[in-house]
Amino acid sequence: MATTSTSSRARRALVWLAVIFAAFGAMIGSGIIFDKAGWTPKLALDLEGGTQIILNPQIAVGATVTEEELAQAVGIIRQRVDATGVSEAEVTTQGGTNIVVSIPGTPDQATLDRIRSSAKLEFRPVLITDVADIVSQVATSVTDALAKDPNADLSALGTPQTPATWAVPAGEPTSFSDLNWVTPEIYQTYLNSSCDALDAAGANTADPAKPLTVCSDDQYSKFILGPVEVDGTMVSNAAANYLSGANGVQTNEWGVYLTFNAAGTTAFADVTARLTTLVGAQNQFAIVLDGKVISAPRTLAAIPDGKPVISGSFTEISAKALSDQLKFGALPIGFEVQSSDTVTPTLGVAQLESGLIAGAIGLLLVVIYALFQYRALAIVTISSLATAGVLTYVVITYLSQANGYRLSLAGVAGLIVAIGITADSFIVYFERVRDELREGRTLISAVETGWKRASRTIIVSGAVNLLAAIVLFALAVGNVRGFAFTLGVTTVVDLIVVMLFTHPVLQLIARTRFFSSGHPWSGLDGSALGAVYRGRGEFRVDQSVSTGKRSRVSKEALKRRSIAERNAAENGGDK
């Protein structure tokens, strides 16, 4: 009954392993069918090449970029790239001012937009806007006309006009929404400048303490805005989601939900409380991103909780891109793309082939050692290594499809190191089984007892390797993370294979006549192993073995003596 139960457990384990293979195969196959992916992993920048983007800082004339600002920008851009799922990207500085972003393969437009956008977020009160002026004039004209004649022909009112001049401010502004911020010069710029001209004037580098003339992101509207009252540094979190309607029902429109820190919450509550008392354009506040107004909502009530929502013409992709940019922080300075070029592999196929050859040599040496040490039992080692190799390949391929992972030469090195780690698990298990055979157990009993003792060592060893890989991945950058990632993946694969393949297979072959009878070529021959330990450094030796083997048994007995047994022997306790 116990034998049948053990065999059933072994077969169930193999079935679960087959299910894992089938699941990964199905996911990879669906990616090939629907996403036009491939059966091979994507390669990183050092093996495939990619796109190099050079970003040049946008700063005022005479200003300089500090090392702290550049380092902060590099960190934020790296987080943005990682958030897109692109791995093995390189973000470095050049010449003390520029930032160089190298991305494997050909990045999509969303990734490029995330890199190029500085995500410089500002909240400014609206002072004047052409849309508000026209709407206000239309409403006033209609009201006056209907008051004089309820049957008046409204089509005769004509197109309302924005005033051509602006009075000189009567005094200093008393609030950020005060129209005294608007000088005649600012008003003429607002009237006569096109959106292209305003963009060229450097709205993204404007002084936050002064008013700003700027356009909307769709180039449809122009605004005169007051100084910055709340900025992007006060955003502690951002998330993209569907907007809710007036009745609380979810709509099909996307927005970005912000959460301010304590200072931002207080400042935003003060702003919205003031704007609710104003009318017309001054009731609006503008959300300015990278020098363009993306939204200018009216203020219907104060927002004291510091959780406003940015709405606009967002798609799911653009909303998530903006939320990622704001969540990781705005760049300390704006950047523009200086150049974007295709780069060739820095290492190339030759180095990849060299790495694969090195891995093949290492694998061959492990196979030779297994055949020499374990004879027919080496079949289990070889098949386990093959299973681990195939499972690792399908996992890496799936991650390449689903998460944008790319295999670098450092990652290949991690795979090669994994050969030794995987083989070590088998050796620990097999040697434990052979120790149990030396103690006089049958093969079936030795397999079960040996597994109980070896599995603890294998799990602890795997946990240590996995922890090291996680720490290295978290603390390192660039290609070192690729090594850590593949090391972690192969460690998990090793544990899966040894539990769902190696142990079940050994359970099944232990019941075959070839192995259970202790055939000389099985690798589990009791006489070949030497002896059965009886305690106090003594062994029971099979009398049929040769004199040479008996000599080796004596040496084995001396090796296996404990310290107490050796002391007893030295004191004459064994005489």
Protein backbone atom coordinates (compact mmCIF):
# COMPACT_ATOMS: atom_id res chain seq x y z
CA MET A 1 0.00 0.00 0.00
CA ALA A 2 2.83 2.39 0.96
CA THR A 3 4.66 1.56 -2.27
CA THR A 4 1.56 2.31 -4.33
CA SER A 5 1.01 5.58 -2.44
CA THR A 6 4.60 6.69 -3.03
CA SER A 7 4.38 5.86 -6.72
CA SER A 8 1.11 7.80 -7.00
CA ARG A 9 2.65 10.87 -5.36
CA ALA A 10 5.62 10.66 -7.72
CA ARG A 11 3.36 10.50 -10.77
CA ARG A 12 1.23 13.40 -9.51
CA ALA A 13 4.37 15.52 -9.11
CA LEU A 14 5.38 14.78 -12.70
CA VAL A 15 1.86 15.67 -13.87
CA TRP A 16 2.09 19.04 -12.08
CA LEU A 17 5.41 19.69 -13.79
CA ALA A 18 3.78 18.90 -17.14
CA VAL A 19 0.96 21.33 -16.28
CA ILE A 20 3.52 24.08 -15.61
CA PHE A 21 5.16 23.45 -18.99
CA ALA A 22 1.78 23.43 -20.72
CA ALA A 23 0.73 26.69 -19.05
CA PHE A 24 3.88 28.52 -20.12
CA GLY A 25 3.62 27.01 -23.59
CA ALA A 26 0.02 28.22 -23.92
CA MET A 27 0.90 31.74 -22.75
CA ILE A 28 3.83 31.98 -25.14
CA GLY A 29 1.70 30.57 -27.96
CA SER A 30 -1.05 33.12 -27.35
CA GLY A 31 1.55 35.88 -27.44
CA ILE A 32 2.76 34.64 -30.80
CA ILE A 33 -0.77 34.49 -32.19
CA PHE A 34 -2.17 37.76 -30.84
CA ASP A 35 0.90 39.94 -30.23
CA LYS A 36 3.17 38.66 -32.99
CA ALA A 37 5.83 37.65 -30.46
CA GLY A 38 8.40 34.89 -30.96
CA TRP A 39 9.61 31.67 -29.39
CA THR A 40 12.94 33.24 -28.47
CA PRO A 41 13.68 35.81 -25.73
CA LYS A 42 14.38 39.40 -26.69
CA LEU A 43 18.01 40.46 -26.43
CA ALA A 44 19.36 43.44 -24.51
CA LEU A 45 21.24 46.47 -25.76
CA ASP A 46 24.66 44.82 -25.57
CA LEU A 47 23.57 41.92 -27.79
CA GLU A 48 20.98 43.41 -30.13
CA GLY A 49 21.53 47.15 -30.22
CA GLY A 50 18.74 49.69 -29.93
CA THR A 51 17.95 53.39 -29.78
CA GLN A 52 20.03 56.11 -28.16
CA ILE A 53 18.33 59.37 -27.14
CA ILE A 54 20.35 62.38 -26.00
CA LEU A 55 18.43 64.86 -23.83
CA ASN A 56 19.60 68.46 -23.57
CA PRO A 57 18.53 70.58 -20.55
CA GLN A 58 16.25 73.57 -21.08
CA ILE A 59 17.59 76.31 -18.84
CA ALA A 60 17.58 80.08 -18.86
CA VAL A 61 20.45 81.93 -20.51
CA GLY A 62 23.44 82.08 -18.17
CA ALA A 63 22.07 79.37 -15.85
CA THR A 64 23.87 76.08 -15.15
CA VAL A 65 22.84 72.54 -14.33
CA THR A 66 24.07 71.24 -11.00
CA GLU A 67 25.31 67.68 -10.43
CA GLU A 68 22.49 67.14 -7.95
CA GLU A 69 19.84 68.13 -10.52
CA LEU A 70 21.42 65.89 -13.15
CA ALA A 71 21.64 62.90 -10.79
CA GLN A 72 18.01 63.41 -9.75
CA ALA A 73 16.92 63.59 -13.39
CA VAL A 74 18.83 60.39 -14.23
CA GLY A 75 17.13 58.53 -11.38
CA ILE A 76 13.64 59.72 -12.37
CA ILE A 77 14.14 58.88 -16.06
CA ARG A 78 15.44 55.42 -15.14
CA GLN A 79 12.31 54.80 -13.03
CA ARG A 80 10.09 55.94 -15.89
CA VAL A 81 11.78 53.60 -18.35
CA ASP A 82 11.56 50.67 -15.91
CA ALA A 83 7.84 51.41 -15.38
CA THR A 84 7.20 50.82 -19.10
CA GLY A 85 8.43 47.23 -18.74
CA VAL A 86 11.61 47.85 -20.76
CA SER A 87 14.55 46.14 -19.06
CA GLU A 88 18.30 46.45 -19.56
CA ALA A 89 18.03 50.14 -20.48
CA GLU A 90 21.01 52.39 -19.75
CA VAL A 91 20.67 55.97 -18.46
CA THR A 92 23.92 57.92 -18.16
CA THR A 93 25.20 61.50 -18.23
CA GLN A 94 27.29 63.10 -20.94
CA GLY A 95 29.49 66.18 -20.69
CA GLY A 96 28.10 67.19 -17.30
CA THR A 97 24.87 68.53 -18.84
CA ASN A 98 23.23 66.00 -21.19
CA ILE A 99 21.51 62.72 -20.35
CA VAL A 100 21.92 59.72 -22.64
CA VAL A 101 19.15 57.09 -22.65
CA SER A 102 19.92 53.83 -24.47
CA ILE A 103 16.99 51.46 -24.95
CA PRO A 104 17.17 47.94 -26.44
CA GLY A 105 15.35 47.38 -29.70
CA THR A 106 12.94 49.96 -31.09
CA PRO A 107 10.92 51.66 -28.33
CA ASP A 108 7.26 52.50 -28.89
CA GLN A 109 5.93 56.05 -28.91
CA ALA A 110 4.60 55.82 -25.34
CA THR A 111 8.07 54.97 -24.03
CA LEU A 112 9.63 57.84 -25.97
CA ASP A 113 7.01 60.26 -24.65
CA ARG A 114 7.72 59.25 -21.07
CA ILE A 115 11.41 59.89 -21.57
CA ARG A 116 11.06 63.17 -23.39
CA SER A 117 8.47 64.67 -21.05
CA SER A 118 9.97 66.51 -18.11
CA ALA A 119 6.66 66.19 -16.20
CA LYS A 120 7.12 69.64 -14.72
CA LEU A 121 3.74 70.11 -13.05
CA GLU A 122 2.39 73.46 -11.87
CA PHE A 123 -0.96 74.69 -10.59
CA ARG A 124 -1.54 78.33 -11.53
CA PRO A 125 -4.71 80.46 -11.19
CA VAL A 126 -6.25 81.59 -14.48
CA LEU A 127 -6.38 85.35 -14.98
CA ILE A 128 -7.53 85.65 -18.60
CA THR A 129 -8.40 83.09 -21.27
CA ASP A 130 -9.85 83.57 -24.73
CA VAL A 131 -12.43 80.83 -24.22
CA ALA A 132 -13.73 82.38 -21.00
CA ASP A 133 -13.80 85.85 -22.60
CA ILE A 134 -15.89 84.70 -25.55
CA VAL A 135 -18.29 82.65 -23.42
CA SER A 136 -18.74 85.57 -21.03
CA GLN A 137 -19.34 88.04 -23.86
CA VAL A 138 -21.84 85.74 -25.58
CA ALA A 139 -23.77 85.26 -22.33
CA THR A 140 -23.85 89.02 -21.65
CA SER A 141 -24.95 89.87 -25.21
CA VAL A 142 -27.69 87.28 -25.21
CA THR A 143 -28.99 88.44 -21.81
CA ASP A 144 -29.04 92.11 -22.87
CA ALA A 145 -30.76 91.35 -26.17
CA LEU A 146 -33.47 89.20 -24.62
CA ALA A 147 -34.06 91.77 -21.90
CA LYS A 148 -34.81 94.43 -24.54
CA ASP A 149 -36.80 92.17 -26.86
CA PRO A 150 -37.80 88.57 -25.96
CA ASN A 151 -38.22 87.88 -29.70
CA ALA A 152 -34.88 89.41 -30.73
CA ASP A 153 -32.90 87.79 -33.57
CA LEU A 154 -29.84 86.44 -31.72
CA SER A 155 -28.00 85.69 -34.98
CA ALA A 156 -27.54 89.43 -35.48
CA LEU A 157 -25.35 89.74 -32.39
CA GLY A 158 -22.18 88.98 -34.38
CA THR A 159 -18.91 87.53 -33.06
CA PRO A 160 -17.79 88.95 -29.72
CA GLN A 161 -14.32 90.50 -29.63
CA THR A 162 -11.59 90.44 -27.02
CA PRO A 163 -10.56 93.97 -25.91
CA ALA A 164 -7.58 95.25 -27.90
CA THR A 165 -6.00 97.12 -24.99
CA TRP A 166 -5.47 96.61 -21.31
CA ALA A 167 -5.26 99.22 -18.60
CA VAL A 168 -2.11 99.80 -16.62
CA PRO A 169 -2.33 97.99 -13.24
CA ALA A 170 -3.80 100.21 -10.53
CA GLY A 171 -1.43 98.80 -7.91
CA GLU A 172 0.51 95.80 -6.70
CA PRO A 173 -1.29 92.44 -6.84
CA THR A 174 -2.88 91.44 -3.55
CA SER A 175 -3.41 87.75 -4.42
CA PHE A 176 -2.32 85.24 -7.03
CA SER A 177 -5.65 85.75 -8.81
CA ASP A 178 -5.38 89.55 -8.91
CA LEU A 179 -5.72 91.00 -12.45
CA ASN A 180 -3.06 93.56 -11.54
CA TRP A 181 -0.55 90.85 -12.54
CA VAL A 182 -1.54 91.55 -16.15
CA THR A 183 0.49 94.44 -17.59
CA PRO A 184 -0.18 95.93 -21.03
CA GLU A 185 2.94 94.16 -22.33
CA ILE A 186 1.75 90.78 -21.08
CA TYR A 187 -1.69 91.41 -22.57
CA GLN A 188 -0.26 92.33 -25.99
CA THR A 189 1.83 89.15 -25.96
CA TYR A 190 -1.34 87.22 -25.18
CA LEU A 191 -3.21 88.86 -28.08
CA ASN A 192 -0.53 88.81 -30.76
CA SER A 193 1.56 85.66 -30.13
CA SER A 194 0.75 82.32 -31.69
CA CYS A 195 0.99 79.11 -29.67
CA ASP A 196 4.12 78.12 -31.59
CA ALA A 197 5.72 81.43 -30.64
CA LEU A 198 4.77 81.00 -26.98
CA ASP A 199 6.21 77.47 -26.96
CA ALA A 200 9.43 78.75 -28.53
CA ALA A 201 9.65 81.46 -25.86
CA GLY A 202 10.28 78.74 -23.27
CA ALA A 203 7.13 78.43 -21.17
CA ASN A 204 8.66 75.41 -19.46
CA THR A 205 11.52 77.54 -18.07
CA ALA A 206 9.38 80.50 -16.98
CA ASP A 207 9.83 82.07 -13.55
CA PRO A 208 7.28 80.41 -11.20
CA ALA A 209 6.93 83.66 -9.25
CA LYS A 210 5.70 85.64 -12.28
CA PRO A 211 2.61 85.41 -14.51
CA LEU A 212 2.76 83.21 -17.59
CA THR A 213 1.22 83.45 -21.05
CA VAL A 214 0.75 79.95 -22.41
CA CYS A 215 -1.42 77.74 -24.65
CA SER A 216 -3.40 74.61 -24.02
CA ASP A 217 -1.88 71.29 -25.06
CA ASP A 218 -4.28 71.06 -28.02
CA GLN A 219 -3.11 74.53 -29.21
CA TYR A 220 -6.74 75.69 -29.17
CA SER A 221 -6.79 78.14 -26.26
CA LYS A 222 -4.48 80.78 -24.81
CA PHE A 223 -4.19 81.75 -21.16
CA ILE A 224 -2.66 84.38 -18.92
CA LEU A 225 -1.91 82.65 -15.64
CA GLY A 226 -0.89 83.90 -12.24
CA PRO A 227 2.23 82.71 -10.38
CA VAL A 228 2.63 79.08 -9.29
CA GLU A 229 0.81 78.27 -6.06
CA VAL A 230 1.24 74.48 -5.99
CA ASP A 231 3.89 72.49 -7.90
CA GLY A 232 4.64 68.89 -8.78
CA THR A 233 7.10 68.39 -5.93
CA MET A 234 4.11 68.40 -3.56
CA VAL A 235 2.56 65.33 -5.26
CA SER A 236 3.10 62.22 -3.13
CA ASN A 237 1.23 59.75 -5.34
CA ALA A 238 -0.63 59.56 -8.65
CA ALA A 239 -2.80 56.87 -10.25
CA ALA A 240 -4.69 56.58 -13.53
CA ASN A 241 -8.30 55.43 -13.47
CA TYR A 242 -11.72 56.03 -14.96
CA LEU A 243 -13.45 59.27 -13.95
CA SER A 244 -16.68 59.28 -11.98
CA GLY A 245 -19.72 61.22 -13.17
CA ALA A 246 -21.85 63.65 -11.19
CA ASN A 247 -23.96 60.80 -9.79
CA GLY A 248 -20.93 58.72 -8.85
CA VAL A 249 -21.25 56.33 -11.82
CA GLN A 250 -17.99 55.44 -13.53
CA THR A 251 -17.55 56.96 -16.98
CA ASN A 252 -15.46 55.87 -19.95
CA GLU A 253 -13.13 58.85 -19.61
CA TRP A 254 -9.68 58.52 -18.10
CA GLY A 255 -8.18 60.84 -15.52
CA VAL A 256 -5.26 61.06 -13.10
CA TYR A 257 -5.98 60.96 -9.38
CA LEU A 258 -3.44 62.94 -7.34
CA THR A 259 -2.53 62.83 -3.67
CA PHE A 260 -0.64 65.81 -2.23
CA ASN A 261 1.71 65.75 0.72
CA ALA A 262 0.91 67.79 3.84
CA ALA A 263 2.25 71.07 2.42
CA GLY A 264 0.50 70.52 -0.90
CA THR A 265 -2.79 69.65 0.80
CA THR A 266 -2.76 72.89 2.77
CA ALA A 267 -1.74 75.02 -0.22
CA PHE A 268 -4.32 73.42 -2.53
CA ALA A 269 -7.10 73.87 0.06
CA ASP A 270 -6.26 77.57 0.31
CA VAL A 271 -6.21 78.00 -3.49
CA THR A 272 -9.54 76.28 -4.11
CA ALA A 273 -11.19 78.12 -1.20
CA ARG A 274 -10.19 81.46 -2.73
CA LEU A 275 -11.19 80.55 -6.29
CA THR A 276 -14.73 79.57 -5.27
CA THR A 277 -15.37 83.22 -4.39
CA LEU A 278 -14.36 84.45 -7.86
CA VAL A 279 -16.26 84.48 -11.15
CA GLY A 280 -15.44 84.10 -14.84
CA ALA A 281 -11.93 83.04 -15.82
CA GLN A 282 -10.63 83.79 -12.33
CA ASN A 283 -12.74 80.95 -10.98
CA GLN A 284 -10.51 78.52 -12.88
CA PHE A 285 -7.13 77.08 -12.00
CA ALA A 286 -4.82 75.76 -14.69
CA ILE A 287 -2.93 72.47 -14.51
CA VAL A 288 0.27 73.21 -16.44
CA LEU A 289 2.40 70.26 -17.55
CA ASP A 290 5.67 70.94 -19.33
CA GLY A 291 4.67 74.47 -20.26
CA LYS A 292 1.19 73.64 -21.60
CA VAL A 293 -2.24 73.79 -19.97
CA ILE A 294 -3.66 70.26 -19.97
CA SER A 295 -6.78 71.22 -18.02
CA ALA A 296 -8.35 74.40 -16.59
CA PRO A 297 -11.37 73.30 -14.55
CA ARG A 298 -13.71 75.62 -12.72
CA THR A 299 -13.64 75.57 -8.95
CA LEU A 300 -17.06 74.62 -7.57
CA ALA A 301 -15.92 73.87 -4.02
CA ALA A 302 -12.82 73.88 -1.86
CA ILE A 303 -10.77 70.65 -1.87
CA PRO A 304 -9.42 70.23 1.67
CA ASP A 305 -8.28 66.59 1.47
CA GLY A 306 -5.45 67.15 -1.03
CA LYS A 307 -6.83 64.63 -3.54
CA PRO A 308 -7.74 66.44 -6.77
CA VAL A 309 -8.37 64.76 -10.12
CA ILE A 310 -6.81 65.84 -13.40
CA SER A 311 -9.21 65.44 -16.29
CA GLY A 312 -8.66 66.13 -19.95
CA SER A 313 -8.43 64.41 -23.30
CA PHE A 314 -6.68 61.38 -21.83
CA THR A 315 -6.47 57.89 -23.24
CA GLU A 316 -5.62 54.93 -21.03
CA ILE A 317 -2.00 55.04 -22.24
CA SER A 318 -1.53 58.78 -21.79
CA ALA A 319 -3.22 58.77 -18.36
CA LYS A 320 -1.00 55.97 -17.10
CA ALA A 321 2.08 57.63 -18.57
CA LEU A 322 1.28 60.89 -16.79
CA SER A 323 0.52 59.14 -13.50
CA ASP A 324 3.87 57.31 -13.66
CA GLN A 325 5.69 60.55 -14.41
CA LEU A 326 4.05 62.38 -11.52
CA LYS A 327 4.40 59.44 -9.14
CA PHE A 328 8.15 59.19 -9.69
CA GLY A 329 8.48 62.96 -9.52
CA ALA A 330 8.90 65.82 -11.91
CA LEU A 331 12.32 66.38 -13.37
CA PRO A 332 14.14 69.21 -11.62
CA ILE A 333 14.70 70.85 -15.02
CA GLY A 334 13.14 70.50 -18.45
CA PHE A 335 14.82 68.54 -21.25
CA GLU A 336 14.47 68.48 -25.01
CA VAL A 337 15.56 65.74 -27.39
CA GLN A 338 18.85 66.73 -28.98
CA SER A 339 19.21 63.57 -31.08
CA SER A 340 17.74 60.10 -31.46
CA ASP A 341 19.83 57.47 -33.24
CA THR A 342 20.00 53.73 -33.78
CA VAL A 343 23.00 52.11 -32.09
CA THR A 344 24.69 48.81 -32.90
CA PRO A 345 25.31 46.06 -30.32
CA THR A 346 28.19 46.87 -27.99
CA LEU A 347 29.13 43.20 -27.66
CA GLY A 348 27.32 41.37 -30.42
CA VAL A 349 26.57 37.83 -31.42
CA ALA A 350 30.21 36.69 -31.15
CA GLN A 351 30.26 37.35 -27.40
CA LEU A 352 26.90 35.65 -26.99
CA GLU A 353 28.22 32.60 -28.81
CA SER A 354 31.31 32.61 -26.57
CA GLY A 355 29.07 32.69 -23.52
CA LEU A 356 26.96 29.83 -24.82
CA ILE A 357 30.08 27.80 -25.61
CA ALA A 358 31.35 28.39 -22.07
CA GLY A 359 28.00 27.22 -20.73
CA ALA A 360 28.11 24.12 -22.94
CA ILE A 361 31.61 23.28 -21.71
CA GLY A 362 30.49 23.66 -18.10
CA LEU A 363 27.46 21.48 -18.76
CA LEU A 364 29.62 18.83 -20.44
CA LEU A 365 31.99 18.73 -17.47
CA VAL A 366 29.05 18.27 -15.11
CA VAL A 367 27.75 15.40 -17.26
CA ILE A 368 31.19 13.72 -17.33
CA TYR A 369 31.49 14.05 -13.56
CA ALA A 370 27.99 12.63 -13.08
CA LEU A 371 28.72 9.63 -15.33
CA PHE A 372 31.99 8.94 -13.52
CA GLN A 373 30.56 9.38 -10.03
CA TYR A 374 27.03 8.00 -10.38
CA ARG A 375 27.12 5.77 -13.48
CA ALA A 376 23.53 4.97 -14.57
CA LEU A 377 22.16 7.28 -11.89
CA ALA A 378 23.70 10.08 -13.97
CA ILE A 379 20.70 9.67 -16.31
CA VAL A 380 18.58 11.33 -13.62
CA THR A 381 21.11 14.16 -13.32
CA ILE A 382 21.28 14.73 -17.07
CA SER A 383 17.50 14.59 -17.55
CA SER A 384 17.01 16.94 -14.58
CA LEU A 385 19.50 19.43 -16.03
CA ALA A 386 17.73 19.22 -19.38
CA THR A 387 14.34 19.76 -17.71
CA ALA A 388 15.68 22.74 -15.76
CA GLY A 389 17.19 24.18 -18.93
CA VAL A 390 13.95 23.91 -20.91
CA LEU A 391 11.85 25.32 -18.05
CA THR A 392 14.26 28.24 -17.62
CA TYR A 393 14.09 28.94 -21.35
CA VAL A 394 10.28 29.04 -21.46
CA VAL A 395 10.13 31.22 -18.32
CA ILE A 396 12.63 33.71 -19.76
CA THR A 397 10.78 33.70 -23.10
CA TYR A 398 7.43 34.33 -21.40
CA LEU A 399 8.85 37.17 -19.29
CA SER A 400 10.35 38.64 -22.45
CA GLN A 401 6.92 38.62 -24.09
CA ALA A 402 4.77 39.69 -21.15
CA ASN A 403 7.04 42.01 -19.14
CA GLY A 404 9.53 43.30 -21.70
CA TYR A 405 12.48 41.43 -20.17
CA ARG A 406 15.60 41.33 -22.33
CA LEU A 407 18.45 38.87 -22.01
CA SER A 408 21.89 40.48 -21.67
CA LEU A 409 25.33 38.91 -21.55
CA ALA A 410 25.27 39.37 -17.78
CA GLY A 411 22.00 37.44 -17.76
CA VAL A 412 23.63 34.67 -19.77
CA ALA A 413 26.36 34.55 -17.12
CA GLY A 414 23.65 34.07 -14.49
CA LEU A 415 22.27 31.13 -16.47
CA ILE A 416 25.71 29.54 -16.70
CA VAL A 417 26.27 29.89 -12.95
CA ALA A 418 22.91 28.19 -12.45
CA ILE A 419 24.28 24.96 -13.95
CA GLY A 420 26.51 24.50 -10.94
CA ILE A 421 23.76 25.47 -8.50
CA THR A 422 21.32 23.00 -10.05
CA ALA A 423 23.90 20.19 -10.15
CA ASP A 424 24.75 20.86 -6.51
CA SER A 425 21.14 20.12 -5.50
CA PHE A 426 21.29 16.73 -7.21
CA ILE A 427 24.63 15.88 -5.63
CA VAL A 428 23.35 16.73 -2.13
CA TYR A 429 20.34 14.47 -2.69
CA PHE A 430 22.21 11.56 -4.27
CA GLU A 431 24.95 11.56 -1.65
CA ARG A 432 22.36 11.55 1.09
CA VAL A 433 20.69 8.51 -0.50
CA ARG A 434 24.05 6.74 -0.74
CA ASP A 435 24.73 7.50 2.92
CA GLU A 436 21.43 5.86 3.80
CA LEU A 437 22.43 2.80 1.75
CA ARG A 438 25.71 2.61 3.65
CA GLU A 439 23.73 2.48 6.87
CA GLY A 440 21.98 -0.65 5.66
CA ARG A 441 18.67 0.67 4.33
CA THR A 442 16.97 -0.67 1.23
CA LEU A 443 17.01 1.60 -1.82
CA ILE A 444 13.32 2.55 -1.51
CA SER A 445 13.77 3.46 2.16
CA ALA A 446 17.05 5.25 1.42
CA VAL A 447 15.38 7.41 -1.24
CA GLU A 448 12.61 8.53 1.12
CA THR A 449 14.82 9.05 4.17
CA GLY A 450 17.54 10.67 2.12
CA TRP A 451 15.03 13.09 0.58
CA LYS A 452 13.68 14.15 3.98
CA ARG A 453 17.18 15.03 5.12
CA ALA A 454 18.49 16.45 1.83
CA SER A 455 15.41 18.56 1.04
CA ARG A 456 16.03 20.78 4.06
CA THR A 457 19.56 21.49 2.88
CA ILE A 458 18.40 22.10 -0.70
CA ILE A 459 15.62 24.50 0.38
CA VAL A 460 17.90 26.46 2.72
CA SER A 461 20.57 26.71 0.02
CA GLY A 462 17.99 27.85 -2.54
CA ALA A 463 16.55 30.41 -0.13
CA VAL A 464 20.01 31.89 0.48
CA ASN A 465 20.70 32.10 -3.27
CA LEU A 466 17.29 33.67 -3.91
CA LEU A 467 17.77 36.22 -1.12
CA ALA A 468 21.19 37.15 -2.52
CA ALA A 469 19.67 37.58 -6.00
CA ILE A 470 16.84 39.78 -4.66
CA VAL A 471 19.21 42.02 -2.69
CA LEU A 472 21.57 42.32 -5.67
CA PHE A 473 18.67 43.14 -8.01
CA ALA A 474 17.29 45.78 -5.62
CA LEU A 475 20.61 47.53 -4.99
CA ALA A 476 22.33 47.21 -8.36
CA VAL A 477 21.70 49.02 -11.64
CA GLY A 478 22.31 48.21 -15.30
CA ASN A 479 23.64 44.83 -16.39
CA VAL A 480 24.26 43.61 -12.84
CA ARG A 481 20.50 43.50 -12.37
CA GLY A 482 20.30 41.20 -15.39
CA PHE A 483 22.69 38.77 -13.70
CA ALA A 484 20.73 38.94 -10.44
CA PHE A 485 17.42 38.41 -12.24
CA THR A 486 18.46 35.24 -14.07
CA LEU A 487 20.16 33.95 -10.92
CA GLY A 488 16.88 34.35 -9.03
CA VAL A 489 14.82 32.75 -11.81
CA THR A 490 17.11 29.73 -12.11
CA THR A 491 17.14 29.27 -8.32
CA VAL A 492 13.35 29.00 -8.29
CA VAL A 493 13.45 26.69 -11.33
CA ASP A 494 16.03 24.50 -9.56
CA LEU A 495 13.73 24.05 -6.54
CA ILE A 496 10.77 23.24 -8.81
CA VAL A 497 12.72 20.68 -10.83
CA VAL A 498 14.31 18.91 -7.88
CA MET A 499 10.90 18.59 -6.16
CA LEU A 500 8.68 17.85 -9.15
CA PHE A 501 11.12 15.88 -11.31
CA THR A 502 14.35 14.64 -9.70
CA HIS A 503 12.81 13.24 -6.51
CA PRO A 504 9.75 11.67 -8.22
CA VAL A 505 11.92 10.08 -10.91
CA LEU A 506 14.25 8.63 -8.27
CA GLN A 507 11.21 7.30 -6.40
CA LEU A 508 10.06 5.49 -9.53
CA ILE A 509 13.41 4.07 -10.63
CA ALA A 510 14.08 2.85 -7.09
CA ARG A 511 11.38 0.26 -7.77
CA THR A 512 12.99 -1.03 -10.94
CA ARG A 513 14.98 -4.23 -10.73
CA PHE A 514 18.13 -2.70 -12.21
CA PHE A 515 18.50 -0.11 -9.45
CA SER A 516 16.85 -1.89 -6.51
CA SER A 517 19.06 -4.97 -6.98
CA GLY A 518 22.16 -2.82 -6.65
CA HIS A 519 23.54 -3.49 -10.13
CA PRO A 520 27.25 -2.60 -10.30
CA TRP A 521 26.50 0.02 -12.97
CA SER A 522 23.53 1.52 -11.19
CA GLY A 523 25.60 3.84 -9.03
CA LEU A 524 23.69 2.51 -6.03
CA ASP A 525 25.54 -0.77 -5.55
CA GLY A 526 25.88 -1.52 -1.84
CA SER A 527 29.12 -3.44 -2.24
CA ALA A 528 30.57 -0.70 -4.44
CA LEU A 529 29.67 1.87 -1.82
CA GLY A 530 31.74 -0.20 0.60
CA ALA A 531 30.15 -0.90 3.94
CA VAL A 532 27.37 -0.45 6.43
CA TYR A 533 28.17 1.80 9.39
CA ARG A 534 27.65 0.15 12.80
CA GLY A 535 28.82 2.90 15.17
CA ARG A 536 32.11 3.73 16.95
CA GLY A 537 33.87 3.86 13.59
CA GLU A 538 33.09 0.25 12.69
CA PHE A 539 31.64 -1.02 9.40
CA ARG A 540 30.13 -4.31 8.33
CA VAL A 541 31.99 -5.25 5.16
CA ASP A 542 30.62 -7.47 2.43
CA GLN A 543 33.02 -10.46 2.38
CA SER A 544 32.58 -10.90 -1.35
CA VAL A 545 34.33 -7.62 -2.13
CA SER A 546 37.95 -7.57 -3.22
CA THR A 547 40.93 -6.79 -0.96
CA GLY A 548 41.30 -3.39 -2.61
CA LYS A 549 37.73 -2.44 -1.78
CA ARG A 550 38.19 -3.64 1.80
CA SER A 551 41.15 -1.30 2.10
CA ARG A 552 39.04 1.59 0.84
CA VAL A 553 36.34 0.62 3.38
CA SER A 554 38.86 0.87 6.19
CA LYS A 555 39.83 4.34 5.05
CA GLU A 556 36.14 5.29 4.87
CA ALA A 557 35.69 4.03 8.44
CA LEU A 558 38.46 6.29 9.66
CA LYS A 559 36.97 9.27 7.86
CA ARG A 560 33.50 8.74 9.37
CA ARG A 561 34.70 8.49 12.97
CA SER A 562 33.42 11.19 15.26
CA ILE A 563 35.73 13.19 17.53
CA ALA A 564 34.63 11.13 20.53
CA GLU A 565 35.38 7.89 18.64
CA ARG A 566 38.82 9.13 17.64
CA ASN A 567 39.61 10.11 21.24
CA ALA A 568 38.44 6.71 22.41
CA ALA A 569 40.69 5.02 19.85
CA GLU A 570 43.69 7.07 20.90
CA ASN A 571 43.07 6.16 24.56
CA GLY A 572 42.84 2.49 23.75
CA GLY A 573 39.04 2.35 23.94
CA ASP A 574 38.81 0.33 20.71
CA LYS A 575 41.25 -2.35 21.77
